[in-house]
Amino acid sequence: MTDFKVDHEMDAQGLYCPEPVMLLHNKVRDMVDGQIVHVIATDPSTQRDIPKFCSFLGHDLVEQQVNGDIFEYYIRKGSD
């Protein structure tokens, strides 16, 4: 389990590329720097897309978990 405070939740289950990353982009835009969003997805391509999203935009992928067909990500918003 996480040892950090989650500020936002985003459920992208049942959505496929590019929808999870598009929703994440909109969610992060509404967050304050340093806040953490917990993303739950079922699209395996998020394992590639979300780390690239974080790297490209300067966000911190704090934790990533795979539980069967569920992919979970904890992302800390970087500074704008």
PDB file of N, CA and C in Angstrom:
ATOM      1  N   MET A   1       0.837  -1.185   0.000  1.00  0.00           N
ATOM      2  CA  MET A   1       0.000   0.000   0.000  1.00  0.00           C
ATOM      3  C   MET A   1       0.881   1.248   0.000  1.00  0.00           C
ATOM      4  N   THR A   2       0.306   2.336  -0.437  1.00  0.00           N
ATOM      5  CA  THR A   2       1.061   3.571  -0.561  1.00  0.00           C
ATOM      6  C   THR A   2       1.326   4.199   0.800  1.00  0.00           C
ATOM      7  N   ASP A   3       2.424   4.925   0.876  1.00  0.00           N
ATOM      8  CA  ASP A   3       2.746   5.650   2.103  1.00  0.00           C
ATOM      9  C   ASP A   3       2.759   7.153   1.823  1.00  0.00           C
ATOM     10  N   PHE A   4       1.940   7.579   0.877  1.00  0.00           N
ATOM     11  CA  PHE A   4       1.815   8.986   0.544  1.00  0.00           C
ATOM     12  C   PHE A   4       0.342   9.320   0.372  1.00  0.00           C
ATOM     13  N   LYS A   5       0.024  10.593   0.454  1.00  0.00           N
ATOM     14  CA  LYS A   5      -1.368  11.053   0.380  1.00  0.00           C
ATOM     15  C   LYS A   5      -1.804  11.173  -1.082  1.00  0.00           C
ATOM     16  N   VAL A   6      -2.917  10.536  -1.411  1.00  0.00           N
ATOM     17  CA  VAL A   6      -3.495  10.646  -2.750  1.00  0.00           C
ATOM     18  C   VAL A   6      -4.514  11.781  -2.725  1.00  0.00           C
ATOM     19  N   ASP A   7      -4.344  12.729  -3.639  1.00  0.00           N
ATOM     20  CA  ASP A   7      -5.219  13.902  -3.685  1.00  0.00           C
ATOM     21  C   ASP A   7      -6.386  13.742  -4.655  1.00  0.00           C
ATOM     22  N   HIS A   8      -6.189  12.936  -5.701  1.00  0.00           N
ATOM     23  CA  HIS A   8      -7.203  12.773  -6.740  1.00  0.00           C
ATOM     24  C   HIS A   8      -7.253  11.321  -7.186  1.00  0.00           C
ATOM     25  N   GLU A   9      -8.417  10.901  -7.656  1.00  0.00           N
ATOM     26  CA  GLU A   9      -8.612   9.568  -8.222  1.00  0.00           C
ATOM     27  C   GLU A   9      -9.079   9.728  -9.662  1.00  0.00           C
ATOM     28  N   MET A  10      -8.598   8.851 -10.540  1.00  0.00           N
ATOM     29  CA  MET A  10      -9.053   8.866 -11.924  1.00  0.00           C
ATOM     30  C   MET A  10      -9.280   7.435 -12.386  1.00  0.00           C
ATOM     31  N   ASP A  11     -10.510   7.115 -12.722  1.00  0.00           N
ATOM     32  CA  ASP A  11     -10.869   5.772 -13.173  1.00  0.00           C
ATOM     33  C   ASP A  11     -10.946   5.753 -14.695  1.00  0.00           C
ATOM     34  N   ALA A  12     -10.001   5.067 -15.327  1.00  0.00           N
ATOM     35  CA  ALA A  12      -9.971   4.958 -16.786  1.00  0.00           C
ATOM     36  C   ALA A  12     -10.249   3.520 -17.227  1.00  0.00           C
ATOM     37  N   GLN A  13     -10.882   2.743 -16.360  1.00  0.00           N
ATOM     38  CA  GLN A  13     -11.183   1.355 -16.692  1.00  0.00           C
ATOM     39  C   GLN A  13     -12.152   1.299 -17.870  1.00  0.00           C
ATOM     40  N   GLY A  14     -11.857   0.396 -18.816  1.00  0.00           N
ATOM     41  CA  GLY A  14     -12.702   0.239 -19.985  1.00  0.00           C
ATOM     42  C   GLY A  14     -12.381   1.191 -21.124  1.00  0.00           C
ATOM     43  N   LEU A  15     -11.468   2.117 -20.891  1.00  0.00           N
ATOM     44  CA  LEU A  15     -11.080   3.066 -21.938  1.00  0.00           C
ATOM     45  C   LEU A  15      -9.799   2.596 -22.610  1.00  0.00           C
ATOM     46  N   TYR A  16      -9.654   2.919 -23.885  1.00  0.00           N
ATOM     47  CA  TYR A  16      -8.486   2.485 -24.647  1.00  0.00           C
ATOM     48  C   TYR A  16      -7.757   3.679 -25.243  1.00  0.00           C
ATOM     49  N   CYS A  17      -6.501   3.462 -25.543  1.00  0.00           N
ATOM     50  CA  CYS A  17      -5.618   4.473 -26.117  1.00  0.00           C
ATOM     51  C   CYS A  17      -6.336   5.210 -27.244  1.00  0.00           C
ATOM     52  N   PRO A  18      -6.300   6.527 -27.206  1.00  0.00           N
ATOM     53  CA  PRO A  18      -5.536   7.430 -26.345  1.00  0.00           C
ATOM     54  C   PRO A  18      -6.328   8.003 -25.169  1.00  0.00           C
ATOM     55  N   GLU A  19      -7.528   7.501 -24.916  1.00  0.00           N
ATOM     56  CA  GLU A  19      -8.402   8.111 -23.910  1.00  0.00           C
ATOM     57  C   GLU A  19      -7.809   8.204 -22.507  1.00  0.00           C
ATOM     58  N   PRO A  20      -7.170   7.143 -21.954  1.00  0.00           N
ATOM     59  CA  PRO A  20      -6.636   7.290 -20.591  1.00  0.00           C
ATOM     60  C   PRO A  20      -5.644   8.438 -20.441  1.00  0.00           C
ATOM     61  N   VAL A  21      -4.757   8.598 -21.418  1.00  0.00           N
ATOM     62  CA  VAL A  21      -3.761   9.676 -21.328  1.00  0.00           C
ATOM     63  C   VAL A  21      -4.418  11.036 -21.543  1.00  0.00           C
ATOM     64  N   MET A  22      -5.410  11.100 -22.410  1.00  0.00           N
ATOM     65  CA  MET A  22      -6.117  12.369 -22.608  1.00  0.00           C
ATOM     66  C   MET A  22      -6.833  12.796 -21.333  1.00  0.00           C
ATOM     67  N   LEU A  23      -7.497  11.845 -20.659  1.00  0.00           N
ATOM     68  CA  LEU A  23      -8.152  12.158 -19.386  1.00  0.00           C
ATOM     69  C   LEU A  23      -7.135  12.564 -18.326  1.00  0.00           C
ATOM     70  N   LEU A  24      -6.003  11.855 -18.292  1.00  0.00           N
ATOM     71  CA  LEU A  24      -4.954  12.181 -17.326  1.00  0.00           C
ATOM     72  C   LEU A  24      -4.426  13.595 -17.567  1.00  0.00           C
ATOM     73  N   HIS A  25      -4.227  13.942 -18.812  1.00  0.00           N
ATOM     74  CA  HIS A  25      -3.739  15.283 -19.152  1.00  0.00           C
ATOM     75  C   HIS A  25      -4.700  16.347 -18.626  1.00  0.00           C
ATOM     76  N   ASN A  26      -5.995  16.130 -18.815  1.00  0.00           N
ATOM     77  CA  ASN A  26      -6.999  17.085 -18.315  1.00  0.00           C
ATOM     78  C   ASN A  26      -7.019  17.127 -16.792  1.00  0.00           C
ATOM     79  N   LYS A  27      -6.891  15.969 -16.150  1.00  0.00           N
ATOM     80  CA  LYS A  27      -6.906  15.901 -14.682  1.00  0.00           C
ATOM     81  C   LYS A  27      -5.711  16.653 -14.101  1.00  0.00           C
ATOM     82  N   VAL A  28      -4.533  16.398 -14.645  1.00  0.00           N
ATOM     83  CA  VAL A  28      -3.303  17.034 -14.143  1.00  0.00           C
ATOM     84  C   VAL A  28      -3.372  18.547 -14.317  1.00  0.00           C
ATOM     85  N   ARG A  29      -3.984  18.983 -15.374  1.00  0.00           N
ATOM     86  CA  ARG A  29      -4.114  20.424 -15.645  1.00  0.00           C
ATOM     87  C   ARG A  29      -4.864  21.128 -14.512  1.00  0.00           C
ATOM     88  N   ASP A  30      -5.807  20.412 -13.867  1.00  0.00           N
ATOM     89  CA  ASP A  30      -6.616  20.992 -12.792  1.00  0.00           C
ATOM     90  C   ASP A  30      -6.004  20.801 -11.401  1.00  0.00           C
ATOM     91  N   MET A  31      -4.833  20.156 -11.345  1.00  0.00           N
ATOM     92  CA  MET A  31      -4.196  19.877 -10.053  1.00  0.00           C
ATOM     93  C   MET A  31      -3.174  20.955  -9.693  1.00  0.00           C
ATOM     94  N   VAL A  32      -2.826  20.998  -8.417  1.00  0.00           N
ATOM     95  CA  VAL A  32      -1.788  21.892  -7.906  1.00  0.00           C
ATOM     96  C   VAL A  32      -0.466  21.126  -7.926  1.00  0.00           C
ATOM     97  N   ASP A  33       0.631  21.816  -8.215  1.00  0.00           N
ATOM     98  CA  ASP A  33       1.951  21.184  -8.219  1.00  0.00           C
ATOM     99  C   ASP A  33       2.174  20.399  -6.930  1.00  0.00           C
ATOM    100  N   GLY A  34       2.675  19.176  -7.066  1.00  0.00           N
ATOM    101  CA  GLY A  34       2.965  18.339  -5.907  1.00  0.00           C
ATOM    102  C   GLY A  34       1.835  17.410  -5.512  1.00  0.00           C
ATOM    103  N   GLN A  35       0.636  17.648  -6.013  1.00  0.00           N
ATOM    104  CA  GLN A  35      -0.467  16.753  -5.696  1.00  0.00           C
ATOM    105  C   GLN A  35      -0.299  15.427  -6.436  1.00  0.00           C
ATOM    106  N   ILE A  36      -0.926  14.382  -5.894  1.00  0.00           N
ATOM    107  CA  ILE A  36      -0.822  13.037  -6.463  1.00  0.00           C
ATOM    108  C   ILE A  36      -2.178  12.566  -6.935  1.00  0.00           C
ATOM    109  N   VAL A  37      -2.198  12.008  -8.145  1.00  0.00           N
ATOM    110  CA  VAL A  37      -3.401  11.394  -8.695  1.00  0.00           C
ATOM    111  C   VAL A  37      -3.163   9.888  -8.801  1.00  0.00           C
ATOM    112  N   HIS A  38      -4.175   9.133  -8.412  1.00  0.00           N
ATOM    113  CA  HIS A  38      -4.164   7.668  -8.520  1.00  0.00           C
ATOM    114  C   HIS A  38      -4.996   7.319  -9.744  1.00  0.00           C
ATOM    115  N   VAL A  39      -4.369   6.667 -10.723  1.00  0.00           N
ATOM    116  CA  VAL A  39      -5.040   6.288 -11.966  1.00  0.00           C
ATOM    117  C   VAL A  39      -5.246   4.779 -11.974  1.00  0.00           C
ATOM    118  N   ILE A  40      -6.465   4.352 -12.296  1.00  0.00           N
ATOM    119  CA  ILE A  40      -6.780   2.933 -12.454  1.00  0.00           C
ATOM    120  C   ILE A  40      -7.191   2.740 -13.910  1.00  0.00           C
ATOM    121  N   ALA A  41      -6.525   1.793 -14.593  1.00  0.00           N
ATOM    122  CA  ALA A  41      -6.801   1.562 -16.009  1.00  0.00           C
ATOM    123  C   ALA A  41      -6.821   0.067 -16.312  1.00  0.00           C
ATOM    124  N   THR A  42      -7.426  -0.275 -17.434  1.00  0.00           N
ATOM    125  CA  THR A  42      -7.446  -1.664 -17.890  1.00  0.00           C
ATOM    126  C   THR A  42      -6.757  -1.823 -19.244  1.00  0.00           C
ATOM    127  N   ASP A  43      -6.345  -0.750 -19.855  1.00  0.00           N
ATOM    128  CA  ASP A  43      -5.676  -0.812 -21.158  1.00  0.00           C
ATOM    129  C   ASP A  43      -4.185  -1.073 -20.947  1.00  0.00           C
ATOM    130  N   PRO A  44      -3.669  -2.218 -21.428  1.00  0.00           N
ATOM    131  CA  PRO A  44      -2.246  -2.536 -21.251  1.00  0.00           C
ATOM    132  C   PRO A  44      -1.307  -1.492 -21.855  1.00  0.00           C
ATOM    133  N   SER A  45      -1.761  -0.746 -22.850  1.00  0.00           N
ATOM    134  CA  SER A  45      -0.882   0.262 -23.455  1.00  0.00           C
ATOM    135  C   SER A  45      -0.558   1.396 -22.490  1.00  0.00           C
ATOM    136  N   THR A  46      -1.320   1.524 -21.386  1.00  0.00           N
ATOM    137  CA  THR A  46      -0.989   2.556 -20.395  1.00  0.00           C
ATOM    138  C   THR A  46       0.364   2.282 -19.749  1.00  0.00           C
ATOM    139  N   GLN A  47       0.806   1.025 -19.761  1.00  0.00           N
ATOM    140  CA  GLN A  47       2.121   0.692 -19.195  1.00  0.00           C
ATOM    141  C   GLN A  47       3.242   1.383 -19.968  1.00  0.00           C
ATOM    142  N   ARG A  48       2.996   1.680 -21.215  1.00  0.00           N
ATOM    143  CA  ARG A  48       3.955   2.402 -22.047  1.00  0.00           C
ATOM    144  C   ARG A  48       3.629   3.895 -22.047  1.00  0.00           C
ATOM    145  N   ASP A  49       2.343   4.219 -22.230  1.00  0.00           N
ATOM    146  CA  ASP A  49       1.928   5.600 -22.455  1.00  0.00           C
ATOM    147  C   ASP A  49       2.050   6.498 -21.223  1.00  0.00           C
ATOM    148  N   ILE A  50       1.668   5.995 -20.061  1.00  0.00           N
ATOM    149  CA  ILE A  50       1.681   6.851 -18.864  1.00  0.00           C
ATOM    150  C   ILE A  50       3.102   7.190 -18.427  1.00  0.00           C
ATOM    151  N   PRO A  51       4.048   6.236 -18.388  1.00  0.00           N
ATOM    152  CA  PRO A  51       5.431   6.639 -18.075  1.00  0.00           C
ATOM    153  C   PRO A  51       5.996   7.648 -19.075  1.00  0.00           C
ATOM    154  N   LYS A  52       5.690   7.492 -20.357  1.00  0.00           N
ATOM    155  CA  LYS A  52       6.159   8.455 -21.370  1.00  0.00           C
ATOM    156  C   LYS A  52       5.524   9.817 -21.148  1.00  0.00           C
ATOM    157  N   PHE A  53       4.238   9.831 -20.818  1.00  0.00           N
ATOM    158  CA  PHE A  53       3.531  11.076 -20.521  1.00  0.00           C
ATOM    159  C   PHE A  53       4.227  11.813 -19.380  1.00  0.00           C
ATOM    160  N   CYS A  54       4.517  11.069 -18.306  1.00  0.00           N
ATOM    161  CA  CYS A  54       5.163  11.668 -17.130  1.00  0.00           C
ATOM    162  C   CYS A  54       6.541  12.216 -17.481  1.00  0.00           C
ATOM    163  N   SER A  55       7.322  11.431 -18.179  1.00  0.00           N
ATOM    164  CA  SER A  55       8.678  11.835 -18.554  1.00  0.00           C
ATOM    165  C   SER A  55       8.653  13.073 -19.446  1.00  0.00           C
ATOM    166  N   PHE A  56       7.785  13.075 -20.431  1.00  0.00           N
ATOM    167  CA  PHE A  56       7.714  14.165 -21.392  1.00  0.00           C
ATOM    168  C   PHE A  56       7.258  15.473 -20.752  1.00  0.00           C
ATOM    169  N   LEU A  57       6.318  15.392 -19.810  1.00  0.00           N
ATOM    170  CA  LEU A  57       5.747  16.602 -19.216  1.00  0.00           C
ATOM    171  C   LEU A  57       6.321  16.949 -17.845  1.00  0.00           C
ATOM    172  N   GLY A  58       7.277  16.166 -17.351  1.00  0.00           N
ATOM    173  CA  GLY A  58       7.946  16.507 -16.094  1.00  0.00           C
ATOM    174  C   GLY A  58       7.189  16.145 -14.837  1.00  0.00           C
ATOM    175  N   HIS A  59       6.332  15.125 -14.925  1.00  0.00           N
ATOM    176  CA  HIS A  59       5.622  14.645 -13.744  1.00  0.00           C
ATOM    177  C   HIS A  59       6.367  13.426 -13.199  1.00  0.00           C
ATOM    178  N   ASP A  60       6.143  13.109 -11.937  1.00  0.00           N
ATOM    179  CA  ASP A  60       6.846  12.011 -11.272  1.00  0.00           C
ATOM    180  C   ASP A  60       5.929  10.798 -11.150  1.00  0.00           C
ATOM    181  N   LEU A  61       6.306   9.696 -11.804  1.00  0.00           N
ATOM    182  CA  LEU A  61       5.578   8.441 -11.655  1.00  0.00           C
ATOM    183  C   LEU A  61       6.069   7.821 -10.353  1.00  0.00           C
ATOM    184  N   VAL A  62       5.328   8.066  -9.275  1.00  0.00           N
ATOM    185  CA  VAL A  62       5.725   7.685  -7.926  1.00  0.00           C
ATOM    186  C   VAL A  62       5.692   6.172  -7.746  1.00  0.00           C
ATOM    187  N   GLU A  63       4.635   5.554  -8.287  1.00  0.00           N
ATOM    188  CA  GLU A  63       4.465   4.112  -8.111  1.00  0.00           C
ATOM    189  C   GLU A  63       3.597   3.579  -9.240  1.00  0.00           C
ATOM    190  N   GLN A  64       3.874   2.328  -9.619  1.00  0.00           N
ATOM    191  CA  GLN A  64       3.124   1.658 -10.678  1.00  0.00           C
ATOM    192  C   GLN A  64       2.889   0.228 -10.229  1.00  0.00           C
ATOM    193  N   GLN A  65       1.653  -0.264 -10.380  1.00  0.00           N
ATOM    194  CA  GLN A  65       1.315  -1.625  -9.947  1.00  0.00           C
ATOM    195  C   GLN A  65       0.469  -2.310 -11.010  1.00  0.00           C
ATOM    196  N   VAL A  66       0.657  -3.619 -11.134  1.00  0.00           N
ATOM    197  CA  VAL A  66      -0.177  -4.431 -12.010  1.00  0.00           C
ATOM    198  C   VAL A  66      -0.839  -5.493 -11.143  1.00  0.00           C
ATOM    199  N   ASN A  67      -2.156  -5.520 -11.160  1.00  0.00           N
ATOM    200  CA  ASN A  67      -2.932  -6.506 -10.402  1.00  0.00           C
ATOM    201  C   ASN A  67      -3.863  -7.211 -11.377  1.00  0.00           C
ATOM    202  N   GLY A  68      -3.381  -8.304 -11.978  1.00  0.00           N
ATOM    203  CA  GLY A  68      -4.175  -8.995 -12.993  1.00  0.00           C
ATOM    204  C   GLY A  68      -4.339  -8.117 -14.211  1.00  0.00           C
ATOM    205  N   ASP A  69      -5.591  -7.771 -14.531  1.00  0.00           N
ATOM    206  CA  ASP A  69      -5.884  -6.917 -15.690  1.00  0.00           C
ATOM    207  C   ASP A  69      -6.040  -5.447 -15.314  1.00  0.00           C
ATOM    208  N   ILE A  70      -5.676  -5.104 -14.096  1.00  0.00           N
ATOM    209  CA  ILE A  70      -5.795  -3.728 -13.614  1.00  0.00           C
ATOM    210  C   ILE A  70      -4.403  -3.113 -13.484  1.00  0.00           C
ATOM    211  N   PHE A  71      -4.257  -1.929 -14.055  1.00  0.00           N
ATOM    212  CA  PHE A  71      -2.993  -1.191 -14.004  1.00  0.00           C
ATOM    213  C   PHE A  71      -3.222   0.067 -13.179  1.00  0.00           C
ATOM    214  N   GLU A  72      -2.380   0.262 -12.165  1.00  0.00           N
ATOM    215  CA  GLU A  72      -2.530   1.416 -11.281  1.00  0.00           C
ATOM    216  C   GLU A  72      -1.273   2.259 -11.307  1.00  0.00           C
ATOM    217  N   TYR A  73      -1.473   3.568 -11.276  1.00  0.00           N
ATOM    218  CA  TYR A  73      -0.371   4.519 -11.335  1.00  0.00           C
ATOM    219  C   TYR A  73      -0.607   5.600 -10.293  1.00  0.00           C
ATOM    220  N   TYR A  74       0.462   6.049  -9.673  1.00  0.00           N
ATOM    221  CA  TYR A  74       0.430   7.163  -8.740  1.00  0.00           C
ATOM    222  C   TYR A  74       1.378   8.209  -9.324  1.00  0.00           C
ATOM    223  N   ILE A  75       0.826   9.358  -9.685  1.00  0.00           N
ATOM    224  CA  ILE A  75       1.583  10.380 -10.396  1.00  0.00           C
ATOM    225  C   ILE A  75       1.546  11.668  -9.603  1.00  0.00           C
ATOM    226  N   ARG A  76       2.742  12.214  -9.356  1.00  0.00           N
ATOM    227  CA  ARG A  76       2.853  13.517  -8.676  1.00  0.00           C
ATOM    228  C   ARG A  76       3.044  14.588  -9.730  1.00  0.00           C
ATOM    229  N   LYS A  77       2.209  15.589  -9.690  1.00  0.00           N
ATOM    230  CA  LYS A  77       2.296  16.667 -10.671  1.00  0.00           C
ATOM    231  C   LYS A  77       3.589  17.458 -10.460  1.00  0.00           C
ATOM    232  N   GLY A  78       4.309  17.652 -11.564  1.00  0.00           N
ATOM    233  CA  GLY A  78       5.505  18.498 -11.540  1.00  0.00           C
ATOM    234  C   GLY A  78       5.097  19.958 -11.668  1.00  0.00           C
ATOM    235  N   SER A  79       6.074  20.819 -11.634  1.00  0.00           N
ATOM    236  CA  SER A  79       5.770  22.246 -11.743  1.00  0.00           C
ATOM    237  C   SER A  79       5.518  22.612 -13.199  1.00  0.00           C
ATOM    238  N   ASP A  80       4.600  23.552 -13.382  1.00  0.00           N
ATOM    239  CA  ASP A  80       4.245  24.007 -14.748  1.00  0.00           C
ATOM    240  C   ASP A  80       5.372  24.777 -15.380  1.00  0.00           C
TER     241      ASP A  80
END
